[in-house]
Amino acid sequence: RVAVTMREHAARNPAAWFHGKPITLAEHQASRPICEPLRLLDCCQESDGGVALVVTSTDRARRLRQPPAVIAAAAQGSAGDQQQMTSYYRADIARLTEVELVARQLWAQSGLTPADIQTAVIYDHFTPLVLMQLEAYGFCDRGAAPQFVREGQIGLGGRLPVNTHGGQ
C-alpha cells in the first residue's frame, strides 16, 4: 500500500518519473519477488541526483515571489549501533533509534508535535522503511504503522499525506 500510494502521488505530478502511471495493489502483488518480503515495486528505481536548499533570512524570503517556507528545526543523528543505512545486527531491526533521536530533537527545537504536521516527506527507498519512520517520528504508535497505511492515512485524503510529490 505504501508503493501504491507513492505511485498515486507521482501519477499526479507532471515532474515525476511515474507521472500518469499509477499502480494497483494487484499490480504490486504481481511484481516479481526481490528478497522476501520485498517485491520489485517495493524498491525505488535507481535514483541519482542532487538537492540544493537555499536558506535566507525570513525578511528577505518574504520579499521573494514565492511564499517562504520557514524552517522550524533541523537535526541529524546516528545511533550507537548504526551500521551504514540499516543495522541488521541490532536487537530490534524494526526500530530506527537514530530516527527516534532526530525526532526528539526536531520536536524539542520546534515546539511542534506529530499532531501539528499536515504532510511529510519520508525517505521511501524501500517501502518497509516508511512504516518504521512513521513510528519513529511519532506519527503513530510502535506497531501501528501497517494499520495507519492500510486505512489510507498517508494518502491525499488521509491524516498525514506522505511524499505528495511521488517519492522515489
N, C-alpha and C. Protein backbone atom coordinates (compact mmCIF):
# COMPACT_ATOMS: atom_id res chain seq x y z
N ARG A 1 0.82 -1.20 0.00
CA ARG A 1 0.00 0.00 0.00
C ARG A 1 0.86 1.26 0.00
N VAL A 2 2.05 1.19 0.60
CA VAL A 2 2.96 2.33 0.55
C VAL A 2 3.34 2.60 -0.90
N ALA A 3 3.76 1.58 -1.62
CA ALA A 3 4.16 1.74 -3.02
C ALA A 3 3.00 2.26 -3.87
N VAL A 4 1.83 1.73 -3.66
CA VAL A 4 0.65 2.14 -4.43
C VAL A 4 0.34 3.61 -4.17
N THR A 5 0.42 4.03 -2.92
CA THR A 5 0.14 5.42 -2.57
C THR A 5 1.18 6.36 -3.16
N MET A 6 2.47 6.00 -3.06
CA MET A 6 3.51 6.87 -3.62
C MET A 6 3.34 7.00 -5.13
N ARG A 7 3.01 5.90 -5.81
CA ARG A 7 2.81 5.95 -7.26
C ARG A 7 1.57 6.77 -7.61
N GLU A 8 0.54 6.70 -6.77
CA GLU A 8 -0.66 7.51 -7.00
C GLU A 8 -0.28 8.99 -6.94
N HIS A 9 0.56 9.35 -5.98
CA HIS A 9 1.01 10.74 -5.87
C HIS A 9 1.88 11.12 -7.07
N ALA A 10 2.78 10.25 -7.47
CA ALA A 10 3.65 10.52 -8.62
C ALA A 10 2.83 10.67 -9.89
N ALA A 11 1.79 9.87 -10.03
CA ALA A 11 0.95 9.93 -11.23
C ALA A 11 0.32 11.30 -11.42
N ARG A 12 0.14 12.04 -10.34
CA ARG A 12 -0.46 13.38 -10.40
C ARG A 12 0.56 14.48 -10.63
N ASN A 13 1.84 14.17 -10.51
CA ASN A 13 2.90 15.17 -10.57
C ASN A 13 3.55 15.17 -11.95
N PRO A 14 3.34 16.20 -12.76
CA PRO A 14 3.92 16.24 -14.11
C PRO A 14 5.45 16.16 -14.12
N ALA A 15 6.11 16.49 -13.01
CA ALA A 15 7.56 16.43 -12.95
C ALA A 15 8.08 15.07 -12.49
N ALA A 16 7.20 14.17 -12.10
CA ALA A 16 7.61 12.87 -11.58
C ALA A 16 7.89 11.88 -12.72
N TRP A 17 8.84 10.99 -12.48
CA TRP A 17 9.18 9.95 -13.45
C TRP A 17 7.94 9.11 -13.79
N PHE A 18 7.12 8.82 -12.79
CA PHE A 18 5.95 7.97 -12.98
C PHE A 18 4.66 8.78 -13.16
N HIS A 19 4.78 9.98 -13.72
CA HIS A 19 3.59 10.79 -13.99
C HIS A 19 2.65 10.01 -14.91
N GLY A 20 1.39 9.97 -14.53
CA GLY A 20 0.40 9.27 -15.33
C GLY A 20 0.49 7.76 -15.28
N LYS A 21 1.28 7.21 -14.34
CA LYS A 21 1.49 5.76 -14.28
C LYS A 21 1.22 5.22 -12.88
N PRO A 22 -0.03 5.31 -12.40
CA PRO A 22 -0.32 4.72 -11.08
C PRO A 22 -0.25 3.20 -11.17
N ILE A 23 -0.19 2.56 -10.01
CA ILE A 23 -0.26 1.10 -9.96
C ILE A 23 -1.38 0.70 -9.00
N THR A 24 -1.85 -0.50 -9.17
CA THR A 24 -2.86 -1.05 -8.25
C THR A 24 -2.17 -1.97 -7.25
N LEU A 25 -2.88 -2.31 -6.20
CA LEU A 25 -2.34 -3.27 -5.24
C LEU A 25 -2.10 -4.62 -5.92
N ALA A 26 -2.97 -4.99 -6.83
CA ALA A 26 -2.80 -6.26 -7.56
C ALA A 26 -1.53 -6.23 -8.41
N GLU A 27 -1.25 -5.10 -9.05
CA GLU A 27 -0.02 -4.99 -9.84
C GLU A 27 1.21 -5.06 -8.94
N HIS A 28 1.12 -4.42 -7.77
CA HIS A 28 2.23 -4.52 -6.82
C HIS A 28 2.46 -5.97 -6.44
N GLN A 29 1.39 -6.66 -6.06
CA GLN A 29 1.50 -8.05 -5.61
C GLN A 29 1.97 -8.98 -6.71
N ALA A 30 1.73 -8.61 -7.97
CA ALA A 30 2.16 -9.43 -9.10
C ALA A 30 3.60 -9.13 -9.52
N SER A 31 4.19 -8.05 -8.98
CA SER A 31 5.58 -7.74 -9.36
C SER A 31 6.50 -8.81 -8.79
N ARG A 32 7.61 -9.01 -9.47
CA ARG A 32 8.47 -10.14 -9.11
C ARG A 32 9.11 -9.96 -7.73
N PRO A 33 9.27 -11.07 -7.02
CA PRO A 33 9.95 -11.01 -5.72
C PRO A 33 11.42 -10.63 -5.91
N ILE A 34 11.92 -9.82 -4.98
CA ILE A 34 13.33 -9.44 -4.99
C ILE A 34 14.05 -10.17 -3.87
N CYS A 35 13.58 -9.94 -2.64
CA CYS A 35 14.12 -10.60 -1.46
C CYS A 35 13.03 -10.53 -0.40
N GLU A 36 12.56 -11.67 0.04
CA GLU A 36 11.43 -11.74 0.99
C GLU A 36 11.58 -10.70 2.09
N PRO A 37 10.65 -9.85 2.33
CA PRO A 37 9.30 -9.78 1.78
C PRO A 37 9.15 -8.77 0.63
N LEU A 38 10.28 -8.25 0.10
CA LEU A 38 10.22 -7.19 -0.90
C LEU A 38 9.93 -7.70 -2.30
N ARG A 39 9.07 -6.94 -2.98
CA ARG A 39 8.79 -7.18 -4.39
C ARG A 39 9.44 -6.04 -5.16
N LEU A 40 9.51 -6.17 -6.46
CA LEU A 40 10.13 -5.15 -7.29
C LEU A 40 9.55 -3.77 -7.01
N LEU A 41 8.24 -3.68 -6.86
CA LEU A 41 7.60 -2.38 -6.68
C LEU A 41 7.69 -1.86 -5.23
N ASP A 42 8.42 -2.56 -4.37
CA ASP A 42 8.73 -2.06 -3.03
C ASP A 42 10.06 -1.31 -3.02
N CYS A 43 10.79 -1.39 -4.11
CA CYS A 43 12.13 -0.82 -4.18
C CYS A 43 12.11 0.40 -5.09
N CYS A 44 12.81 1.45 -4.66
CA CYS A 44 12.86 2.63 -5.53
C CYS A 44 13.69 2.29 -6.75
N GLN A 45 13.38 3.00 -7.82
CA GLN A 45 14.20 2.84 -9.02
C GLN A 45 15.58 3.38 -8.70
N GLU A 46 16.55 3.08 -9.54
CA GLU A 46 17.87 3.67 -9.33
C GLU A 46 17.69 5.18 -9.32
N SER A 47 18.20 5.81 -8.32
CA SER A 47 17.97 7.25 -8.22
C SER A 47 19.27 7.97 -7.91
N ASP A 48 19.74 8.68 -8.89
CA ASP A 48 20.90 9.53 -8.73
C ASP A 48 20.39 10.96 -8.87
N GLY A 49 20.96 11.85 -8.16
CA GLY A 49 20.51 13.23 -8.29
C GLY A 49 21.15 14.10 -7.24
N GLY A 50 20.68 15.29 -7.19
CA GLY A 50 21.21 16.23 -6.22
C GLY A 50 20.09 17.10 -5.69
N VAL A 51 20.35 17.70 -4.58
CA VAL A 51 19.38 18.57 -3.95
C VAL A 51 20.11 19.83 -3.51
N ALA A 52 19.48 20.95 -3.71
CA ALA A 52 20.03 22.21 -3.21
C ALA A 52 18.97 22.89 -2.37
N LEU A 53 19.38 23.47 -1.31
CA LEU A 53 18.49 24.19 -0.42
C LEU A 53 19.08 25.57 -0.22
N VAL A 54 18.34 26.59 -0.60
CA VAL A 54 18.80 27.96 -0.42
C VAL A 54 18.14 28.51 0.84
N VAL A 55 18.96 28.95 1.77
CA VAL A 55 18.45 29.46 3.03
C VAL A 55 18.78 30.95 3.11
N THR A 56 17.80 31.74 3.48
CA THR A 56 18.00 33.17 3.63
C THR A 56 17.20 33.65 4.84
N SER A 57 17.30 34.90 5.13
CA SER A 57 16.56 35.45 6.27
C SER A 57 15.06 35.46 5.97
N THR A 58 14.27 35.41 7.00
CA THR A 58 12.82 35.46 6.85
C THR A 58 12.40 36.77 6.19
N ASP A 59 13.07 37.86 6.56
CA ASP A 59 12.78 39.16 5.96
C ASP A 59 12.94 39.13 4.44
N ARG A 60 14.07 38.64 3.99
CA ARG A 60 14.32 38.58 2.54
C ARG A 60 13.37 37.59 1.87
N ALA A 61 13.12 36.47 2.50
CA ALA A 61 12.24 35.46 1.92
C ALA A 61 10.84 36.02 1.70
N ARG A 62 10.38 36.86 2.58
CA ARG A 62 9.04 37.43 2.44
C ARG A 62 8.93 38.36 1.24
N ARG A 63 10.06 38.87 0.75
CA ARG A 63 10.05 39.78 -0.40
C ARG A 63 10.18 39.03 -1.73
N LEU A 64 10.36 37.73 -1.70
CA LEU A 64 10.50 36.94 -2.93
C LEU A 64 9.14 36.59 -3.51
N ARG A 65 9.13 36.10 -4.75
CA ARG A 65 7.87 35.80 -5.45
C ARG A 65 7.06 34.69 -4.78
N GLN A 66 7.74 33.65 -4.31
CA GLN A 66 7.04 32.51 -3.71
C GLN A 66 6.91 32.72 -2.21
N PRO A 67 5.83 32.23 -1.61
CA PRO A 67 5.72 32.33 -0.15
C PRO A 67 6.85 31.54 0.52
N PRO A 68 7.40 32.06 1.60
CA PRO A 68 8.52 31.38 2.25
C PRO A 68 8.08 30.13 3.00
N ALA A 69 8.99 29.19 3.08
CA ALA A 69 8.84 28.03 3.95
C ALA A 69 9.82 28.27 5.10
N VAL A 70 9.31 28.51 6.26
CA VAL A 70 10.16 28.83 7.40
C VAL A 70 10.61 27.55 8.08
N ILE A 71 11.92 27.44 8.30
CA ILE A 71 12.49 26.25 8.94
C ILE A 71 12.29 26.38 10.45
N ALA A 72 11.57 25.44 11.02
CA ALA A 72 11.29 25.48 12.46
C ALA A 72 12.35 24.72 13.26
N ALA A 73 13.02 23.75 12.63
CA ALA A 73 14.04 22.97 13.33
C ALA A 73 14.85 22.19 12.31
N ALA A 74 16.04 21.77 12.71
CA ALA A 74 16.89 20.93 11.87
C ALA A 74 17.70 20.03 12.79
N ALA A 75 17.85 18.77 12.39
CA ALA A 75 18.59 17.83 13.23
C ALA A 75 19.13 16.70 12.38
N GLN A 76 20.13 16.04 12.89
CA GLN A 76 20.62 14.80 12.30
C GLN A 76 21.12 13.93 13.44
N GLY A 77 21.22 12.64 13.18
CA GLY A 77 21.67 11.77 14.25
C GLY A 77 22.05 10.40 13.76
N SER A 78 22.80 9.71 14.57
CA SER A 78 23.10 8.31 14.31
C SER A 78 23.12 7.59 15.65
N ALA A 79 22.81 6.33 15.60
CA ALA A 79 22.72 5.54 16.83
C ALA A 79 24.04 4.81 17.07
N GLY A 80 24.28 4.45 18.31
CA GLY A 80 25.50 3.74 18.67
C GLY A 80 25.63 2.41 17.95
N ASP A 81 24.50 1.80 17.60
CA ASP A 81 24.55 0.50 16.93
C ASP A 81 24.23 0.61 15.44
N GLN A 82 24.33 1.81 14.90
CA GLN A 82 24.01 2.01 13.49
C GLN A 82 25.18 1.61 12.61
N GLN A 83 24.87 0.88 11.54
CA GLN A 83 25.88 0.46 10.58
C GLN A 83 25.40 0.88 9.20
N GLN A 84 26.06 1.82 8.60
CA GLN A 84 25.66 2.36 7.31
C GLN A 84 24.19 2.77 7.36
N MET A 85 23.37 2.30 6.41
CA MET A 85 21.98 2.74 6.37
C MET A 85 21.05 1.85 7.19
N THR A 86 21.34 0.60 7.28
CA THR A 86 20.48 -0.33 8.01
C THR A 86 21.34 -1.19 8.91
N SER A 87 20.93 -1.33 10.13
CA SER A 87 21.70 -2.10 11.11
C SER A 87 21.03 -3.44 11.36
N TYR A 88 21.52 -4.44 10.66
CA TYR A 88 20.90 -5.76 10.72
C TYR A 88 21.22 -6.51 12.01
N TYR A 89 22.17 -6.03 12.79
CA TYR A 89 22.61 -6.77 13.95
C TYR A 89 22.19 -6.13 15.27
N ARG A 90 21.30 -5.14 15.19
CA ARG A 90 20.82 -4.55 16.45
C ARG A 90 19.73 -5.44 17.03
N ALA A 91 19.42 -5.21 18.27
CA ALA A 91 18.45 -6.07 18.96
C ALA A 91 17.08 -6.06 18.28
N ASP A 92 16.67 -4.92 17.75
CA ASP A 92 15.35 -4.80 17.12
C ASP A 92 15.53 -4.14 15.76
N ILE A 93 15.58 -4.94 14.68
CA ILE A 93 15.83 -4.36 13.35
C ILE A 93 14.62 -3.62 12.80
N ALA A 94 13.50 -3.70 13.46
CA ALA A 94 12.30 -2.98 13.02
C ALA A 94 12.17 -1.63 13.73
N ARG A 95 13.23 -1.18 14.37
CA ARG A 95 13.21 0.08 15.10
C ARG A 95 14.37 0.95 14.62
N LEU A 96 14.09 2.20 14.33
CA LEU A 96 15.11 3.13 13.85
C LEU A 96 15.46 4.10 14.98
N THR A 97 16.36 3.69 15.86
CA THR A 97 16.68 4.52 17.02
C THR A 97 17.32 5.84 16.60
N GLU A 98 18.04 5.85 15.47
CA GLU A 98 18.63 7.10 15.00
C GLU A 98 17.55 8.10 14.57
N VAL A 99 16.47 7.59 13.98
CA VAL A 99 15.36 8.47 13.58
C VAL A 99 14.60 8.93 14.82
N GLU A 100 14.47 8.06 15.80
CA GLU A 100 13.83 8.47 17.06
C GLU A 100 14.61 9.61 17.71
N LEU A 101 15.95 9.54 17.66
CA LEU A 101 16.80 10.61 18.19
C LEU A 101 16.54 11.92 17.44
N VAL A 102 16.54 11.86 16.13
CA VAL A 102 16.28 13.05 15.31
C VAL A 102 14.89 13.59 15.62
N ALA A 103 13.91 12.72 15.73
CA ALA A 103 12.54 13.17 16.02
C ALA A 103 12.48 13.92 17.35
N ARG A 104 13.12 13.37 18.38
CA ARG A 104 13.13 14.06 19.68
C ARG A 104 13.73 15.46 19.55
N GLN A 105 14.83 15.56 18.80
CA GLN A 105 15.48 16.86 18.60
C GLN A 105 14.57 17.82 17.84
N LEU A 106 13.96 17.35 16.78
CA LEU A 106 13.08 18.21 15.98
C LEU A 106 11.88 18.71 16.78
N TRP A 107 11.23 17.79 17.50
CA TRP A 107 10.05 18.19 18.28
C TRP A 107 10.45 19.18 19.38
N ALA A 108 11.59 18.95 20.03
CA ALA A 108 12.04 19.86 21.10
C ALA A 108 12.40 21.24 20.55
N GLN A 109 13.14 21.27 19.44
CA GLN A 109 13.55 22.56 18.86
C GLN A 109 12.37 23.37 18.34
N SER A 110 11.44 22.69 17.69
CA SER A 110 10.36 23.39 17.01
C SER A 110 9.18 23.73 17.92
N GLY A 111 9.05 22.98 19.01
CA GLY A 111 7.88 23.15 19.85
C GLY A 111 6.63 22.53 19.24
N LEU A 112 6.81 21.80 18.14
CA LEU A 112 5.69 21.13 17.48
C LEU A 112 5.59 19.68 17.96
N THR A 113 4.49 19.04 17.62
CA THR A 113 4.29 17.62 17.89
C THR A 113 3.86 16.96 16.60
N PRO A 114 3.88 15.65 16.54
CA PRO A 114 3.40 14.98 15.32
C PRO A 114 1.98 15.39 14.93
N ALA A 115 1.14 15.71 15.88
CA ALA A 115 -0.24 16.11 15.59
C ALA A 115 -0.30 17.44 14.84
N ASP A 116 0.76 18.25 14.92
CA ASP A 116 0.80 19.55 14.24
C ASP A 116 1.16 19.44 12.76
N ILE A 117 1.66 18.31 12.34
CA ILE A 117 2.19 18.15 10.98
C ILE A 117 1.08 17.75 10.03
N GLN A 118 1.01 18.43 8.89
CA GLN A 118 -0.06 18.19 7.92
C GLN A 118 0.35 17.29 6.76
N THR A 119 1.63 17.22 6.48
CA THR A 119 2.14 16.35 5.42
C THR A 119 3.60 16.05 5.72
N ALA A 120 4.13 14.98 5.16
CA ALA A 120 5.51 14.60 5.45
C ALA A 120 6.21 14.11 4.19
N VAL A 121 7.50 14.39 4.12
CA VAL A 121 8.37 13.82 3.09
C VAL A 121 9.24 12.82 3.83
N ILE A 122 9.06 11.56 3.53
CA ILE A 122 9.75 10.48 4.24
C ILE A 122 10.54 9.66 3.23
N TYR A 123 11.77 9.34 3.57
CA TYR A 123 12.64 8.57 2.69
C TYR A 123 12.01 7.22 2.41
N ASP A 124 11.74 6.96 1.12
CA ASP A 124 10.99 5.75 0.76
C ASP A 124 11.76 4.84 -0.18
N HIS A 125 13.05 4.66 0.08
CA HIS A 125 13.87 3.81 -0.78
C HIS A 125 13.37 2.37 -0.81
N PHE A 126 12.86 1.88 0.30
CA PHE A 126 12.22 0.59 0.38
C PHE A 126 10.97 0.78 1.25
N THR A 127 9.85 0.26 0.83
CA THR A 127 8.58 0.57 1.49
C THR A 127 8.54 0.23 2.98
N PRO A 128 9.15 -0.85 3.47
CA PRO A 128 9.07 -1.11 4.91
C PRO A 128 9.67 0.01 5.76
N LEU A 129 10.67 0.72 5.23
CA LEU A 129 11.30 1.79 6.00
C LEU A 129 10.35 2.96 6.22
N VAL A 130 9.37 3.13 5.35
CA VAL A 130 8.37 4.18 5.55
C VAL A 130 7.58 3.87 6.83
N LEU A 131 7.21 2.61 7.01
CA LEU A 131 6.46 2.21 8.21
C LEU A 131 7.26 2.50 9.47
N MET A 132 8.54 2.13 9.46
CA MET A 132 9.38 2.35 10.64
C MET A 132 9.56 3.84 10.93
N GLN A 133 9.66 4.66 9.89
CA GLN A 133 9.82 6.10 10.09
C GLN A 133 8.54 6.74 10.61
N LEU A 134 7.39 6.30 10.13
CA LEU A 134 6.12 6.82 10.66
C LEU A 134 6.06 6.61 12.17
N GLU A 135 6.51 5.45 12.61
CA GLU A 135 6.51 5.14 14.05
C GLU A 135 7.60 5.93 14.78
N ALA A 136 8.80 5.99 14.21
CA ALA A 136 9.92 6.67 14.88
C ALA A 136 9.67 8.16 15.06
N TYR A 137 9.01 8.79 14.09
CA TYR A 137 8.70 10.22 14.22
C TYR A 137 7.48 10.46 15.10
N GLY A 138 6.79 9.40 15.50
CA GLY A 138 5.65 9.53 16.40
C GLY A 138 4.33 9.81 15.71
N PHE A 139 4.27 9.59 14.40
CA PHE A 139 3.00 9.80 13.69
C PHE A 139 1.99 8.70 14.01
N CYS A 140 2.49 7.58 14.50
CA CYS A 140 1.63 6.51 15.01
C CYS A 140 2.45 5.71 16.02
N ASP A 141 1.79 4.93 16.83
CA ASP A 141 2.47 4.13 17.85
C ASP A 141 3.28 3.01 17.22
N ARG A 142 4.24 2.47 17.99
CA ARG A 142 5.01 1.32 17.53
C ARG A 142 4.07 0.18 17.19
N GLY A 143 4.27 -0.38 16.03
CA GLY A 143 3.45 -1.50 15.57
C GLY A 143 2.15 -1.08 14.88
N ALA A 144 1.83 0.21 14.90
CA ALA A 144 0.56 0.69 14.33
C ALA A 144 0.68 1.19 12.90
N ALA A 145 1.89 1.31 12.37
CA ALA A 145 2.06 1.86 11.02
C ALA A 145 1.36 1.04 9.94
N PRO A 146 1.40 -0.30 9.97
CA PRO A 146 0.69 -1.03 8.92
C PRO A 146 -0.80 -0.68 8.86
N GLN A 147 -1.44 -0.58 10.01
CA GLN A 147 -2.86 -0.22 10.03
C GLN A 147 -3.07 1.23 9.58
N PHE A 148 -2.18 2.12 10.00
CA PHE A 148 -2.22 3.53 9.61
C PHE A 148 -2.21 3.65 8.08
N VAL A 149 -1.32 2.89 7.45
CA VAL A 149 -1.21 2.89 5.99
C VAL A 149 -2.43 2.20 5.37
N ARG A 150 -2.83 1.06 5.92
CA ARG A 150 -3.97 0.31 5.40
C ARG A 150 -5.23 1.17 5.39
N GLU A 151 -5.37 2.04 6.39
CA GLU A 151 -6.54 2.93 6.47
C GLU A 151 -6.46 4.12 5.52
N GLY A 152 -5.36 4.23 4.77
CA GLY A 152 -5.22 5.32 3.81
C GLY A 152 -4.74 6.63 4.41
N GLN A 153 -4.17 6.57 5.61
CA GLN A 153 -3.77 7.80 6.29
C GLN A 153 -2.59 8.51 5.63
N ILE A 154 -1.83 7.83 4.73
CA ILE A 154 -0.72 8.51 4.06
C ILE A 154 -1.11 9.01 2.67
N GLY A 155 -2.37 8.80 2.30
CA GLY A 155 -2.86 9.27 1.01
C GLY A 155 -3.32 10.71 1.09
N LEU A 156 -3.71 11.27 -0.05
CA LEU A 156 -4.08 12.68 -0.12
C LEU A 156 -5.23 13.05 0.79
N GLY A 157 -6.15 12.17 1.05
CA GLY A 157 -7.27 12.47 1.95
C GLY A 157 -7.04 12.02 3.38
N GLY A 158 -5.84 11.51 3.66
CA GLY A 158 -5.56 10.93 4.97
C GLY A 158 -5.08 11.93 5.99
N ARG A 159 -4.82 11.45 7.18
CA ARG A 159 -4.34 12.25 8.30
C ARG A 159 -2.97 12.87 8.02
N LEU A 160 -2.08 12.12 7.32
CA LEU A 160 -0.73 12.58 7.06
C LEU A 160 -0.31 12.18 5.64
N PRO A 161 -0.69 12.96 4.63
CA PRO A 161 -0.23 12.63 3.29
C PRO A 161 1.30 12.61 3.25
N VAL A 162 1.85 11.53 2.67
CA VAL A 162 3.31 11.33 2.64
C VAL A 162 3.79 11.39 1.19
N ASN A 163 4.87 12.10 0.98
CA ASN A 163 5.54 12.18 -0.33
C ASN A 163 4.54 12.52 -1.44
N THR A 164 3.84 13.62 -1.25
CA THR A 164 2.83 14.02 -2.23
C THR A 164 3.44 14.36 -3.59
N HIS A 165 4.76 14.51 -3.65
CA HIS A 165 5.45 14.73 -4.92
C HIS A 165 5.64 13.41 -5.69
N GLY A 166 5.49 12.29 -5.00
CA GLY A 166 5.63 10.99 -5.64
C GLY A 166 6.73 10.13 -5.05
N GLY A 167 7.58 10.70 -4.23
CA GLY A 167 8.63 9.90 -3.60
C GLY A 167 9.61 9.35 -4.61
N GLN A 168 10.27 8.23 -4.22
CA GLN A 168 11.26 7.64 -5.12
C GLN A 168 10.66 6.48 -5.87
